[in-house]
Amino acid sequence: MELPDRLINKAKEAFILAIEIYNKPSIRYRVEGFSFFICNAWELMLKAHMINKFGESSIYYKNNPERTLSLENCIQKVFTNDKDPLRKNLAKIIELRNISTHFITEEYEMVYIPLFQACVFNFIEKMQEFHDIDMSEIIPQNFLTLSVSINSLDINAVRAKYPPEIAERLISAEASLTPLIKDNNNHFAIRVDHFHYITKDENKATAKVKIDKNADTSALIIKDIRDPNDTHRFRCKQCCEEINKRLAKSGIKILPNDESQRFTSYHFDLFCKYYDIKNNKMFCYTYKVSAQPQYSYSMQAIDFIFEEIKKDPEHIIQNLKIRLGKRKS
């Protein structure tokens, strides 16, 4: 077995261990376990990629050929853009891994879970891109979602529970990560939001509240609140990229006479026009801040288009052109 193959096999094992440790309720120190094994998985996978792309010597220090590069060095060589959210994500998890054990508490889970989930999805994506390996064939898709604590970080409780040095490290970590999660995309963090809704159907309720009409303080019930930056975060180009990834992964080819075999913005526009996607609030959000409106799309829009393509990949584009032509005539 070649060295890259051995590294990939170990990377798979490390990744599985990271997932299993984090999702096992009986393990209390799963933050440390996850951060250690996910970093190990990334290092092994990236070194296999570097050997395949640059040769075996690329994973060793030039001034010390007996010693292989650290994960930080591998990341810098493979992901050369230091503004890349994926690279920022790994940097923060490495930073967590490197914290002395006695500084990490169970509450770190509440702070880092958005980064952990993004790291899992990033690893799956790069294993597919670099090594043509589908991790969902090794671990079922439903197990790739990490279990999430329903609690939020209580700063006063943390300060009461831990010595000042440990408490302030945790509080500082949350303060530094919160704006980064807000400013970066889902390659840096998968946000975990909790929403509360009021329903009159007791069978759908998990808790009960009482409304007192004689109360001194009034309240406003907000039935639905959504940030389009979260729900509709894809522009046309990103939608096409995601659809092309899915087509390639599924081995689906469109337009058999088209050598490019790419789903383009022109094809995307055909779907938008025929299915009136831009007027469907579930699929599209319109920014009306200038004379020319801007559009962004949801993951549901991508899912819908991909499912329609799957039904008849060889003829769907041509059929849309014909149907749109008939509408005009």
C-alpha atoms as a PDB file:
ATOM      1  CA  MET A   1       0.000   0.000   0.000  1.00  0.00           C
ATOM      2  CA  GLU A   2       1.313   3.418  -0.977  1.00  0.00           C
ATOM      3  CA  LEU A   3       1.995   6.078   1.673  1.00  0.00           C
ATOM      4  CA  PRO A   4      -0.916   8.360   0.595  1.00  0.00           C
ATOM      5  CA  ASP A   5      -3.320   5.410   0.897  1.00  0.00           C
ATOM      6  CA  ARG A   6      -2.081   4.635   4.406  1.00  0.00           C
ATOM      7  CA  LEU A   7      -2.463   8.273   5.400  1.00  0.00           C
ATOM      8  CA  ILE A   8      -6.004   8.402   4.013  1.00  0.00           C
ATOM      9  CA  ASN A   9      -7.004   5.243   5.883  1.00  0.00           C
ATOM     10  CA  LYS A  10      -5.721   6.778   9.119  1.00  0.00           C
ATOM     11  CA  ALA A  11      -7.478  10.054   8.306  1.00  0.00           C
ATOM     12  CA  LYS A  12     -10.776   8.190   7.941  1.00  0.00           C
ATOM     13  CA  GLU A  13     -10.269   6.498  11.321  1.00  0.00           C
ATOM     14  CA  ALA A  14      -9.392   9.782  13.031  1.00  0.00           C
ATOM     15  CA  PHE A  15     -12.452  11.460  11.520  1.00  0.00           C
ATOM     16  CA  ILE A  16     -14.741   8.629  12.663  1.00  0.00           C
ATOM     17  CA  LEU A  17     -13.262   8.824  16.174  1.00  0.00           C
ATOM     18  CA  ALA A  18     -13.870  12.584  16.282  1.00  0.00           C
ATOM     19  CA  ILE A  19     -17.538  12.120  15.345  1.00  0.00           C
ATOM     20  CA  GLU A  20     -18.088   9.185  17.699  1.00  0.00           C
ATOM     21  CA  ILE A  21     -16.447  10.906  20.665  1.00  0.00           C
ATOM     22  CA  TYR A  22     -18.437  14.073  20.204  1.00  0.00           C
ATOM     23  CA  ASN A  23     -21.790  12.340  19.775  1.00  0.00           C
ATOM     24  CA  LYS A  24     -21.331   9.909  22.682  1.00  0.00           C
ATOM     25  CA  PRO A  25     -23.255  11.283  25.690  1.00  0.00           C
ATOM     26  CA  SER A  26     -21.242   9.357  28.297  1.00  0.00           C
ATOM     27  CA  ILE A  27     -17.997  11.178  27.406  1.00  0.00           C
ATOM     28  CA  ARG A  28     -17.669  14.432  29.346  1.00  0.00           C
ATOM     29  CA  TYR A  29     -14.486  15.735  27.743  1.00  0.00           C
ATOM     30  CA  ARG A  30     -15.651  15.429  24.176  1.00  0.00           C
ATOM     31  CA  VAL A  31     -14.447  18.928  23.219  1.00  0.00           C
ATOM     32  CA  GLU A  32     -10.820  17.903  23.767  1.00  0.00           C
ATOM     33  CA  GLY A  33     -11.362  14.536  22.088  1.00  0.00           C
ATOM     34  CA  PHE A  34     -13.065  16.003  19.047  1.00  0.00           C
ATOM     35  CA  SER A  35     -10.512  18.797  18.565  1.00  0.00           C
ATOM     36  CA  PHE A  36      -7.593  16.358  18.843  1.00  0.00           C
ATOM     37  CA  PHE A  37      -8.916  13.758  16.400  1.00  0.00           C
ATOM     38  CA  ILE A  38     -10.393  16.183  13.850  1.00  0.00           C
ATOM     39  CA  CYS A  39      -7.026  17.967  13.679  1.00  0.00           C
ATOM     40  CA  ASN A  40      -5.300  14.621  13.260  1.00  0.00           C
ATOM     41  CA  ALA A  41      -7.719  13.706  10.446  1.00  0.00           C
ATOM     42  CA  TRP A  42      -7.032  16.990   8.627  1.00  0.00           C
ATOM     43  CA  GLU A  43      -3.263  16.625   8.965  1.00  0.00           C
ATOM     44  CA  LEU A  44      -3.240  13.095   7.556  1.00  0.00           C
ATOM     45  CA  MET A  45      -5.616  13.956   4.724  1.00  0.00           C
ATOM     46  CA  LEU A  46      -3.702  17.099   3.713  1.00  0.00           C
ATOM     47  CA  LYS A  47      -0.365  15.276   3.763  1.00  0.00           C
ATOM     48  CA  ALA A  48      -1.766  12.607   1.447  1.00  0.00           C
ATOM     49  CA  HIS A  49      -2.947  15.398  -0.861  1.00  0.00           C
ATOM     50  CA  MET A  50       0.449  17.111  -0.756  1.00  0.00           C
ATOM     51  CA  ILE A  51       2.268  13.879  -1.639  1.00  0.00           C
ATOM     52  CA  ASN A  52      -0.041  13.308  -4.596  1.00  0.00           C
ATOM     53  CA  LYS A  53       0.323  16.887  -5.806  1.00  0.00           C
ATOM     54  CA  PHE A  54       3.873  17.925  -4.858  1.00  0.00           C
ATOM     55  CA  GLY A  55       5.732  14.687  -4.100  1.00  0.00           C
ATOM     56  CA  GLU A  56       6.645  12.918  -0.869  1.00  0.00           C
ATOM     57  CA  SER A  57       9.394  15.394   0.059  1.00  0.00           C
ATOM     58  CA  SER A  58       6.766  18.153   0.395  1.00  0.00           C
ATOM     59  CA  ILE A  59       5.551  16.855   3.764  1.00  0.00           C
ATOM     60  CA  TYR A  60       9.008  17.121   5.408  1.00  0.00           C
ATOM     61  CA  TYR A  61      10.886  20.141   6.746  1.00  0.00           C
ATOM     62  CA  LYS A  62      13.680  21.065   4.351  1.00  0.00           C
ATOM     63  CA  ASN A  63      16.184  21.562   7.172  1.00  0.00           C
ATOM     64  CA  ASN A  64      15.051  18.412   8.970  1.00  0.00           C
ATOM     65  CA  PRO A  65      14.029  15.679   6.488  1.00  0.00           C
ATOM     66  CA  GLU A  66      13.288  13.252   9.325  1.00  0.00           C
ATOM     67  CA  ARG A  67      10.434  15.393  10.629  1.00  0.00           C
ATOM     68  CA  THR A  68       7.080  15.920   8.902  1.00  0.00           C
ATOM     69  CA  LEU A  69       5.333  19.270   8.745  1.00  0.00           C
ATOM     70  CA  SER A  70       2.830  20.359  11.385  1.00  0.00           C
ATOM     71  CA  LEU A  71      -0.849  20.744  10.558  1.00  0.00           C
ATOM     72  CA  GLU A  72      -0.391  24.532  10.558  1.00  0.00           C
ATOM     73  CA  ASN A  73       2.327  24.233   7.902  1.00  0.00           C
ATOM     74  CA  CYS A  74       0.192  21.922   5.764  1.00  0.00           C
ATOM     75  CA  ILE A  75      -2.756  24.327   5.908  1.00  0.00           C
ATOM     76  CA  GLN A  76      -0.561  27.222   4.786  1.00  0.00           C
ATOM     77  CA  LYS A  77       0.760  25.241   1.825  1.00  0.00           C
ATOM     78  CA  VAL A  78      -2.622  23.919   0.643  1.00  0.00           C
ATOM     79  CA  PHE A  79      -4.897  26.851   1.505  1.00  0.00           C
ATOM     80  CA  THR A  80      -2.734  29.801   0.549  1.00  0.00           C
ATOM     81  CA  ASN A  81      -5.392  32.476   1.124  1.00  0.00           C
ATOM     82  CA  ASP A  82      -5.181  33.460   4.797  1.00  0.00           C
ATOM     83  CA  LYS A  83      -8.625  35.116   4.539  1.00  0.00           C
ATOM     84  CA  ASP A  84     -10.267  31.810   3.570  1.00  0.00           C
ATOM     85  CA  PRO A  85     -13.032  31.035   6.152  1.00  0.00           C
ATOM     86  CA  LEU A  86     -12.097  27.348   6.004  1.00  0.00           C
ATOM     87  CA  ARG A  87      -8.515  28.204   6.973  1.00  0.00           C
ATOM     88  CA  LYS A  88      -9.741  30.511   9.750  1.00  0.00           C
ATOM     89  CA  ASN A  89     -11.948  27.710  11.042  1.00  0.00           C
ATOM     90  CA  LEU A  90      -9.036  25.294  11.274  1.00  0.00           C
ATOM     91  CA  ALA A  91      -6.844  27.924  12.942  1.00  0.00           C
ATOM     92  CA  LYS A  92      -9.388  28.394  15.728  1.00  0.00           C
ATOM     93  CA  ILE A  93      -9.814  24.663  16.297  1.00  0.00           C
ATOM     94  CA  ILE A  94      -6.035  24.172  16.379  1.00  0.00           C
ATOM     95  CA  GLU A  95      -5.880  27.013  18.895  1.00  0.00           C
ATOM     96  CA  LEU A  96      -8.423  25.167  21.032  1.00  0.00           C
ATOM     97  CA  ARG A  97      -6.540  21.881  20.714  1.00  0.00           C
ATOM     98  CA  ASN A  98      -3.339  23.571  21.862  1.00  0.00           C
ATOM     99  CA  ILE A  99      -4.862  25.017  25.022  1.00  0.00           C
ATOM    100  CA  SER A 100      -3.521  23.246  28.090  1.00  0.00           C
ATOM    101  CA  THR A 101      -5.985  20.558  29.221  1.00  0.00           C
ATOM    102  CA  HIS A 102      -6.852  22.188  32.543  1.00  0.00           C
ATOM    103  CA  PHE A 103      -8.179  25.291  30.741  1.00  0.00           C
ATOM    104  CA  ILE A 104     -10.857  23.440  28.751  1.00  0.00           C
ATOM    105  CA  THR A 105     -14.258  23.029  30.402  1.00  0.00           C
ATOM    106  CA  GLU A 106     -17.491  21.407  29.270  1.00  0.00           C
ATOM    107  CA  GLU A 107     -18.900  24.864  28.475  1.00  0.00           C
ATOM    108  CA  TYR A 108     -16.493  25.240  25.545  1.00  0.00           C
ATOM    109  CA  GLU A 109     -18.926  23.017  23.653  1.00  0.00           C
ATOM    110  CA  MET A 110     -21.538  25.813  23.657  1.00  0.00           C
ATOM    111  CA  VAL A 111     -19.030  28.232  22.134  1.00  0.00           C
ATOM    112  CA  TYR A 112     -17.324  25.997  19.561  1.00  0.00           C
ATOM    113  CA  ILE A 113     -20.131  23.791  18.212  1.00  0.00           C
ATOM    114  CA  PRO A 114     -20.756  26.103  15.182  1.00  0.00           C
ATOM    115  CA  LEU A 115     -17.055  25.796  14.257  1.00  0.00           C
ATOM    116  CA  PHE A 116     -16.973  22.048  14.877  1.00  0.00           C
ATOM    117  CA  GLN A 117     -19.942  21.421  12.579  1.00  0.00           C
ATOM    118  CA  ALA A 118     -18.437  23.567   9.820  1.00  0.00           C
ATOM    119  CA  CYS A 119     -15.130  21.711  10.222  1.00  0.00           C
ATOM    120  CA  VAL A 120     -16.891  18.373   9.724  1.00  0.00           C
ATOM    121  CA  PHE A 121     -18.592  19.548   6.533  1.00  0.00           C
ATOM    122  CA  ASN A 122     -15.351  21.125   5.267  1.00  0.00           C
ATOM    123  CA  PHE A 123     -13.483  17.855   5.797  1.00  0.00           C
ATOM    124  CA  ILE A 124     -16.136  15.902   3.895  1.00  0.00           C
ATOM    125  CA  GLU A 125     -15.970  18.395   1.020  1.00  0.00           C
ATOM    126  CA  LYS A 126     -12.165  18.288   0.762  1.00  0.00           C
ATOM    127  CA  MET A 127     -12.008  14.498   0.990  1.00  0.00           C
ATOM    128  CA  GLN A 128     -14.301  14.439  -2.035  1.00  0.00           C
ATOM    129  CA  GLU A 129     -12.367  17.162  -3.871  1.00  0.00           C
ATOM    130  CA  PHE A 130      -8.817  15.986  -3.116  1.00  0.00           C
ATOM    131  CA  HIS A 131      -9.245  12.204  -2.943  1.00  0.00           C
ATOM    132  CA  ASP A 132     -12.625  11.432  -4.553  1.00  0.00           C
ATOM    133  CA  ILE A 133     -13.820   9.827  -1.314  1.00  0.00           C
ATOM    134  CA  ASP A 134     -17.431  10.194  -0.178  1.00  0.00           C
ATOM    135  CA  MET A 135     -17.378  10.115   3.633  1.00  0.00           C
ATOM    136  CA  SER A 136     -21.162   9.650   3.747  1.00  0.00           C
ATOM    137  CA  GLU A 137     -20.535   6.121   2.437  1.00  0.00           C
ATOM    138  CA  ILE A 138     -18.403   5.472   5.536  1.00  0.00           C
ATOM    139  CA  ILE A 139     -20.551   7.308   8.088  1.00  0.00           C
ATOM    140  CA  PRO A 140     -24.304   7.639   7.400  1.00  0.00           C
ATOM    141  CA  GLN A 141     -25.333  11.210   6.604  1.00  0.00           C
ATOM    142  CA  ASN A 142     -27.527  11.556   9.699  1.00  0.00           C
ATOM    143  CA  PHE A 143     -24.546  10.824  11.982  1.00  0.00           C
ATOM    144  CA  LEU A 144     -22.481  13.633  10.464  1.00  0.00           C
ATOM    145  CA  THR A 145     -24.539  16.226  12.332  1.00  0.00           C
ATOM    146  CA  LEU A 146     -23.052  16.818  15.758  1.00  0.00           C
ATOM    147  CA  SER A 147     -25.303  16.746  18.796  1.00  0.00           C
ATOM    148  CA  VAL A 148     -25.977  20.240  20.116  1.00  0.00           C
ATOM    149  CA  SER A 149     -26.364  21.419  23.672  1.00  0.00           C
ATOM    150  CA  ILE A 150     -29.663  23.208  24.213  1.00  0.00           C
ATOM    151  CA  ASN A 151     -28.067  25.477  26.800  1.00  0.00           C
ATOM    152  CA  SER A 152     -26.505  28.858  26.135  1.00  0.00           C
ATOM    153  CA  LEU A 153     -23.412  30.161  27.879  1.00  0.00           C
ATOM    154  CA  ASP A 154     -24.241  31.818  31.222  1.00  0.00           C
ATOM    155  CA  ILE A 155     -21.329  34.144  32.017  1.00  0.00           C
ATOM    156  CA  ASN A 156     -22.307  34.629  35.664  1.00  0.00           C
ATOM    157  CA  ALA A 157     -22.594  30.872  36.178  1.00  0.00           C
ATOM    158  CA  VAL A 158     -19.192  30.321  34.562  1.00  0.00           C
ATOM    159  CA  ARG A 159     -17.532  32.902  36.820  1.00  0.00           C
ATOM    160  CA  ALA A 160     -19.148  31.318  39.861  1.00  0.00           C
ATOM    161  CA  LYS A 161     -18.164  27.790  38.863  1.00  0.00           C
ATOM    162  CA  TYR A 162     -14.507  28.224  37.812  1.00  0.00           C
ATOM    163  CA  PRO A 163     -11.353  30.017  39.001  1.00  0.00           C
ATOM    164  CA  PRO A 164     -10.886  33.476  37.385  1.00  0.00           C
ATOM    165  CA  GLU A 165      -8.217  32.400  34.876  1.00  0.00           C
ATOM    166  CA  ILE A 166     -10.292  29.533  33.472  1.00  0.00           C
ATOM    167  CA  ALA A 167     -13.545  31.509  33.469  1.00  0.00           C
ATOM    168  CA  GLU A 168     -12.051  34.544  31.717  1.00  0.00           C
ATOM    169  CA  ARG A 169     -10.429  32.377  29.024  1.00  0.00           C
ATOM    170  CA  LEU A 170     -13.814  30.876  28.164  1.00  0.00           C
ATOM    171  CA  ILE A 171     -15.614  34.222  28.227  1.00  0.00           C
ATOM    172  CA  SER A 172     -12.875  35.776  26.088  1.00  0.00           C
ATOM    173  CA  ALA A 173     -13.147  32.910  23.586  1.00  0.00           C
ATOM    174  CA  GLU A 174     -16.877  33.494  23.186  1.00  0.00           C
ATOM    175  CA  ALA A 175     -16.390  37.258  22.813  1.00  0.00           C
ATOM    176  CA  SER A 176     -13.781  36.815  20.064  1.00  0.00           C
ATOM    177  CA  LEU A 177     -15.688  34.137  18.128  1.00  0.00           C
ATOM    178  CA  THR A 178     -19.127  35.768  18.096  1.00  0.00           C
ATOM    179  CA  PRO A 179     -18.247  38.539  15.576  1.00  0.00           C
ATOM    180  CA  LEU A 180     -16.216  36.086  13.470  1.00  0.00           C
ATOM    181  CA  ILE A 181     -19.208  33.737  13.200  1.00  0.00           C
ATOM    182  CA  LYS A 182     -21.360  36.663  12.123  1.00  0.00           C
ATOM    183  CA  ASP A 183     -18.875  38.002   9.534  1.00  0.00           C
ATOM    184  CA  ASN A 184     -17.823  34.715   7.889  1.00  0.00           C
ATOM    185  CA  ASN A 185     -19.698  32.170   5.784  1.00  0.00           C
ATOM    186  CA  ASN A 186     -20.651  28.580   6.596  1.00  0.00           C
ATOM    187  CA  HIS A 187     -17.119  27.350   5.899  1.00  0.00           C
ATOM    188  CA  PHE A 188     -16.126  29.062   9.156  1.00  0.00           C
ATOM    189  CA  ALA A 189     -19.151  28.249  11.285  1.00  0.00           C
ATOM    190  CA  ILE A 190     -22.586  26.682  11.042  1.00  0.00           C
ATOM    191  CA  ARG A 191     -24.727  28.892  13.222  1.00  0.00           C
ATOM    192  CA  VAL A 192     -26.944  27.219  15.802  1.00  0.00           C
ATOM    193  CA  ASP A 193     -30.002  29.341  16.564  1.00  0.00           C
ATOM    194  CA  HIS A 194     -32.866  28.558  18.904  1.00  0.00           C
ATOM    195  CA  PHE A 195     -36.296  29.959  18.058  1.00  0.00           C
ATOM    196  CA  HIS A 196     -39.413  29.929  20.205  1.00  0.00           C
ATOM    197  CA  TYR A 197     -42.897  29.886  18.714  1.00  0.00           C
ATOM    198  CA  ILE A 198     -46.306  30.189  20.327  1.00  0.00           C
ATOM    199  CA  THR A 199     -48.946  27.650  19.329  1.00  0.00           C
ATOM    200  CA  LYS A 200     -52.473  26.908  20.517  1.00  0.00           C
ATOM    201  CA  ASP A 201     -52.018  23.197  19.760  1.00  0.00           C
ATOM    202  CA  GLU A 202     -50.831  21.549  22.989  1.00  0.00           C
ATOM    203  CA  ASN A 203     -49.634  18.493  21.084  1.00  0.00           C
ATOM    204  CA  LYS A 204     -47.026  20.666  19.338  1.00  0.00           C
ATOM    205  CA  ALA A 205     -45.876  22.430  22.499  1.00  0.00           C
ATOM    206  CA  THR A 206     -42.788  21.551  24.553  1.00  0.00           C
ATOM    207  CA  ALA A 207     -43.567  24.137  27.251  1.00  0.00           C
ATOM    208  CA  LYS A 208     -46.578  26.121  28.398  1.00  0.00           C
ATOM    209  CA  VAL A 209     -46.920  29.821  29.153  1.00  0.00           C
ATOM    210  CA  LYS A 210     -49.772  31.900  30.521  1.00  0.00           C
ATOM    211  CA  ILE A 211     -50.798  35.275  29.141  1.00  0.00           C
ATOM    212  CA  ASP A 212     -52.119  37.727  31.724  1.00  0.00           C
ATOM    213  CA  LYS A 213     -54.209  40.517  30.211  1.00  0.00           C
ATOM    214  CA  ASN A 214     -53.886  42.502  33.459  1.00  0.00           C
ATOM    215  CA  ALA A 215     -50.073  42.566  33.405  1.00  0.00           C
ATOM    216  CA  ASP A 216     -48.386  45.981  33.668  1.00  0.00           C
ATOM    217  CA  THR A 217     -45.858  45.256  30.914  1.00  0.00           C
ATOM    218  CA  SER A 218     -47.031  44.684  27.375  1.00  0.00           C
ATOM    219  CA  ALA A 219     -45.428  42.216  24.979  1.00  0.00           C
ATOM    220  CA  LEU A 220     -45.290  41.792  21.227  1.00  0.00           C
ATOM    221  CA  ILE A 221     -45.473  38.301  19.726  1.00  0.00           C
ATOM    222  CA  ILE A 222     -43.296  37.942  16.665  1.00  0.00           C
ATOM    223  CA  LYS A 223     -44.568  35.012  14.627  1.00  0.00           C
ATOM    224  CA  ASP A 224     -41.665  34.779  12.210  1.00  0.00           C
ATOM    225  CA  ILE A 225     -38.263  36.419  12.047  1.00  0.00           C
ATOM    226  CA  ARG A 226     -35.616  35.525   9.510  1.00  0.00           C
ATOM    227  CA  ASP A 227     -32.321  36.949   8.386  1.00  0.00           C
ATOM    228  CA  PRO A 228     -32.032  36.557   4.585  1.00  0.00           C
ATOM    229  CA  ASN A 229     -28.247  36.397   5.027  1.00  0.00           C
ATOM    230  CA  ASP A 230     -28.855  33.042   6.707  1.00  0.00           C
ATOM    231  CA  THR A 231     -31.889  31.679   4.876  1.00  0.00           C
ATOM    232  CA  HIS A 232     -31.060  32.964   1.371  1.00  0.00           C
ATOM    233  CA  ARG A 233     -27.281  33.172   1.328  1.00  0.00           C
ATOM    234  CA  PHE A 234     -26.502  31.919  -2.191  1.00  0.00           C
ATOM    235  CA  ARG A 235     -26.004  34.134  -5.245  1.00  0.00           C
ATOM    236  CA  CYS A 236     -26.519  32.749  -8.760  1.00  0.00           C
ATOM    237  CA  LYS A 237     -22.848  31.776  -9.162  1.00  0.00           C
ATOM    238  CA  GLN A 238     -22.810  29.914  -5.843  1.00  0.00           C
ATOM    239  CA  CYS A 239     -26.031  28.097  -6.727  1.00  0.00           C
ATOM    240  CA  CYS A 240     -24.487  26.909  -9.999  1.00  0.00           C
ATOM    241  CA  GLU A 241     -21.329  25.763  -8.204  1.00  0.00           C
ATOM    242  CA  GLU A 242     -23.339  23.752  -5.675  1.00  0.00           C
ATOM    243  CA  ILE A 243     -25.536  22.187  -8.368  1.00  0.00           C
ATOM    244  CA  ASN A 244     -22.438  21.245 -10.387  1.00  0.00           C
ATOM    245  CA  LYS A 245     -20.915  19.587  -7.316  1.00  0.00           C
ATOM    246  CA  ARG A 246     -24.053  17.522  -6.825  1.00  0.00           C
ATOM    247  CA  LEU A 247     -24.232  16.577 -10.496  1.00  0.00           C
ATOM    248  CA  ALA A 248     -20.588  15.465 -10.484  1.00  0.00           C
ATOM    249  CA  LYS A 249     -21.018  13.497  -7.259  1.00  0.00           C
ATOM    250  CA  SER A 250     -24.126  11.752  -8.622  1.00  0.00           C
ATOM    251  CA  GLY A 251     -22.546  11.098 -12.032  1.00  0.00           C
ATOM    252  CA  ILE A 252     -25.373  12.997 -13.744  1.00  0.00           C
ATOM    253  CA  LYS A 253     -24.662  14.603 -17.108  1.00  0.00           C
ATOM    254  CA  ILE A 254     -26.803  17.296 -18.671  1.00  0.00           C
ATOM    255  CA  LEU A 255     -26.921  18.223 -22.339  1.00  0.00           C
ATOM    256  CA  PRO A 256     -25.214  15.139 -23.833  1.00  0.00           C
ATOM    257  CA  ASN A 257     -24.032  17.144 -26.857  1.00  0.00           C
ATOM    258  CA  ASP A 258     -22.502  19.859 -24.710  1.00  0.00           C
ATOM    259  CA  GLU A 259     -18.824  19.146 -24.076  1.00  0.00           C
ATOM    260  CA  SER A 260     -18.626  21.442 -21.037  1.00  0.00           C
ATOM    261  CA  GLN A 261     -21.258  19.450 -19.121  1.00  0.00           C
ATOM    262  CA  ARG A 262     -21.592  22.408 -16.777  1.00  0.00           C
ATOM    263  CA  PHE A 263     -24.727  23.847 -15.268  1.00  0.00           C
ATOM    264  CA  THR A 264     -24.379  27.563 -16.022  1.00  0.00           C
ATOM    265  CA  SER A 265     -26.035  30.821 -15.026  1.00  0.00           C
ATOM    266  CA  TYR A 266     -27.943  30.648 -18.329  1.00  0.00           C
ATOM    267  CA  HIS A 267     -29.432  27.295 -17.282  1.00  0.00           C
ATOM    268  CA  PHE A 268     -30.169  28.693 -13.823  1.00  0.00           C
ATOM    269  CA  ASP A 269     -32.024  31.606 -15.381  1.00  0.00           C
ATOM    270  CA  LEU A 270     -34.180  29.178 -17.393  1.00  0.00           C
ATOM    271  CA  PHE A 271     -35.312  27.508 -14.166  1.00  0.00           C
ATOM    272  CA  CYS A 272     -35.948  30.888 -12.527  1.00  0.00           C
ATOM    273  CA  LYS A 273     -38.140  32.034 -15.420  1.00  0.00           C
ATOM    274  CA  TYR A 274     -40.100  28.839 -15.950  1.00  0.00           C
ATOM    275  CA  TYR A 275     -40.750  28.083 -12.266  1.00  0.00           C
ATOM    276  CA  ASP A 276     -41.032  31.772 -11.256  1.00  0.00           C
ATOM    277  CA  ILE A 277     -38.366  31.203  -8.605  1.00  0.00           C
ATOM    278  CA  LYS A 278     -37.654  34.905  -8.055  1.00  0.00           C
ATOM    279  CA  ASN A 279     -41.220  35.444  -6.864  1.00  0.00           C
ATOM    280  CA  ASN A 280     -41.164  32.471  -4.514  1.00  0.00           C
ATOM    281  CA  LYS A 281     -40.182  33.725  -1.038  1.00  0.00           C
ATOM    282  CA  MET A 282     -39.060  30.277   0.038  1.00  0.00           C
ATOM    283  CA  PHE A 283     -36.582  30.148  -2.862  1.00  0.00           C
ATOM    284  CA  CYS A 284     -35.532  33.753  -3.424  1.00  0.00           C
ATOM    285  CA  TYR A 285     -34.983  37.009  -1.548  1.00  0.00           C
ATOM    286  CA  THR A 286     -34.974  40.332  -3.397  1.00  0.00           C
ATOM    287  CA  TYR A 287     -32.773  43.204  -2.225  1.00  0.00           C
ATOM    288  CA  LYS A 288     -34.400  46.460  -3.321  1.00  0.00           C
ATOM    289  CA  VAL A 289     -31.697  48.890  -2.239  1.00  0.00           C
ATOM    290  CA  SER A 290     -30.996  50.282  -5.696  1.00  0.00           C
ATOM    291  CA  ALA A 291     -32.745  50.796  -9.021  1.00  0.00           C
ATOM    292  CA  GLN A 292     -31.577  47.324 -10.112  1.00  0.00           C
ATOM    293  CA  PRO A 293     -32.789  44.640  -7.640  1.00  0.00           C
ATOM    294  CA  GLN A 294     -30.352  41.988  -6.428  1.00  0.00           C
ATOM    295  CA  TYR A 295     -31.338  38.383  -5.770  1.00  0.00           C
ATOM    296  CA  SER A 296     -30.123  35.698  -3.397  1.00  0.00           C
ATOM    297  CA  TYR A 297     -31.372  32.139  -3.113  1.00  0.00           C
ATOM    298  CA  SER A 298     -31.991  29.524  -0.443  1.00  0.00           C
ATOM    299  CA  MET A 299     -30.734  25.977  -0.140  1.00  0.00           C
ATOM    300  CA  GLN A 300     -34.311  24.879  -0.925  1.00  0.00           C
ATOM    301  CA  ALA A 301     -33.974  26.509  -4.352  1.00  0.00           C
ATOM    302  CA  ILE A 302     -30.805  24.514  -5.024  1.00  0.00           C
ATOM    303  CA  ASP A 303     -32.478  21.313  -3.808  1.00  0.00           C
ATOM    304  CA  PHE A 304     -35.504  21.955  -6.005  1.00  0.00           C
ATOM    305  CA  ILE A 305     -33.484  22.593  -9.187  1.00  0.00           C
ATOM    306  CA  PHE A 306     -31.260  19.564  -8.600  1.00  0.00           C
ATOM    307  CA  GLU A 307     -34.276  17.297  -8.047  1.00  0.00           C
ATOM    308  CA  GLU A 308     -35.888  18.585 -11.263  1.00  0.00           C
ATOM    309  CA  ILE A 309     -32.676  17.911 -13.208  1.00  0.00           C
ATOM    310  CA  LYS A 310     -32.513  14.360 -11.826  1.00  0.00           C
ATOM    311  CA  LYS A 311     -35.927  13.565 -13.310  1.00  0.00           C
ATOM    312  CA  ASP A 312     -34.725  14.030 -16.906  1.00  0.00           C
ATOM    313  CA  PRO A 313     -31.134  15.318 -17.052  1.00  0.00           C
ATOM    314  CA  GLU A 314     -30.643  14.867 -20.806  1.00  0.00           C
ATOM    315  CA  HIS A 315     -33.755  16.775 -21.856  1.00  0.00           C
ATOM    316  CA  ILE A 316     -34.630  19.168 -19.000  1.00  0.00           C
ATOM    317  CA  ILE A 317     -32.787  22.193 -20.441  1.00  0.00           C
ATOM    318  CA  GLN A 318     -34.189  21.770 -23.932  1.00  0.00           C
ATOM    319  CA  ASN A 319     -37.693  21.204 -22.537  1.00  0.00           C
ATOM    320  CA  LEU A 320     -37.504  24.419 -20.511  1.00  0.00           C
ATOM    321  CA  LYS A 321     -36.488  26.361 -23.624  1.00  0.00           C
ATOM    322  CA  ILE A 322     -39.430  24.931 -25.582  1.00  0.00           C
ATOM    323  CA  ARG A 323     -41.943  25.593 -22.810  1.00  0.00           C
ATOM    324  CA  LEU A 324     -40.738  29.160 -22.292  1.00  0.00           C
ATOM    325  CA  GLY A 325     -40.920  29.712 -26.056  1.00  0.00           C
ATOM    326  CA  LYS A 326     -44.541  28.550 -26.098  1.00  0.00           C
ATOM    327  CA  ARG A 327     -45.393  30.959 -23.297  1.00  0.00           C
ATOM    328  CA  LYS A 328     -44.074  33.909 -25.326  1.00  0.00           C
ATOM    329  CA  SER A 329     -45.913  32.945 -28.516  1.00  0.00           C
END
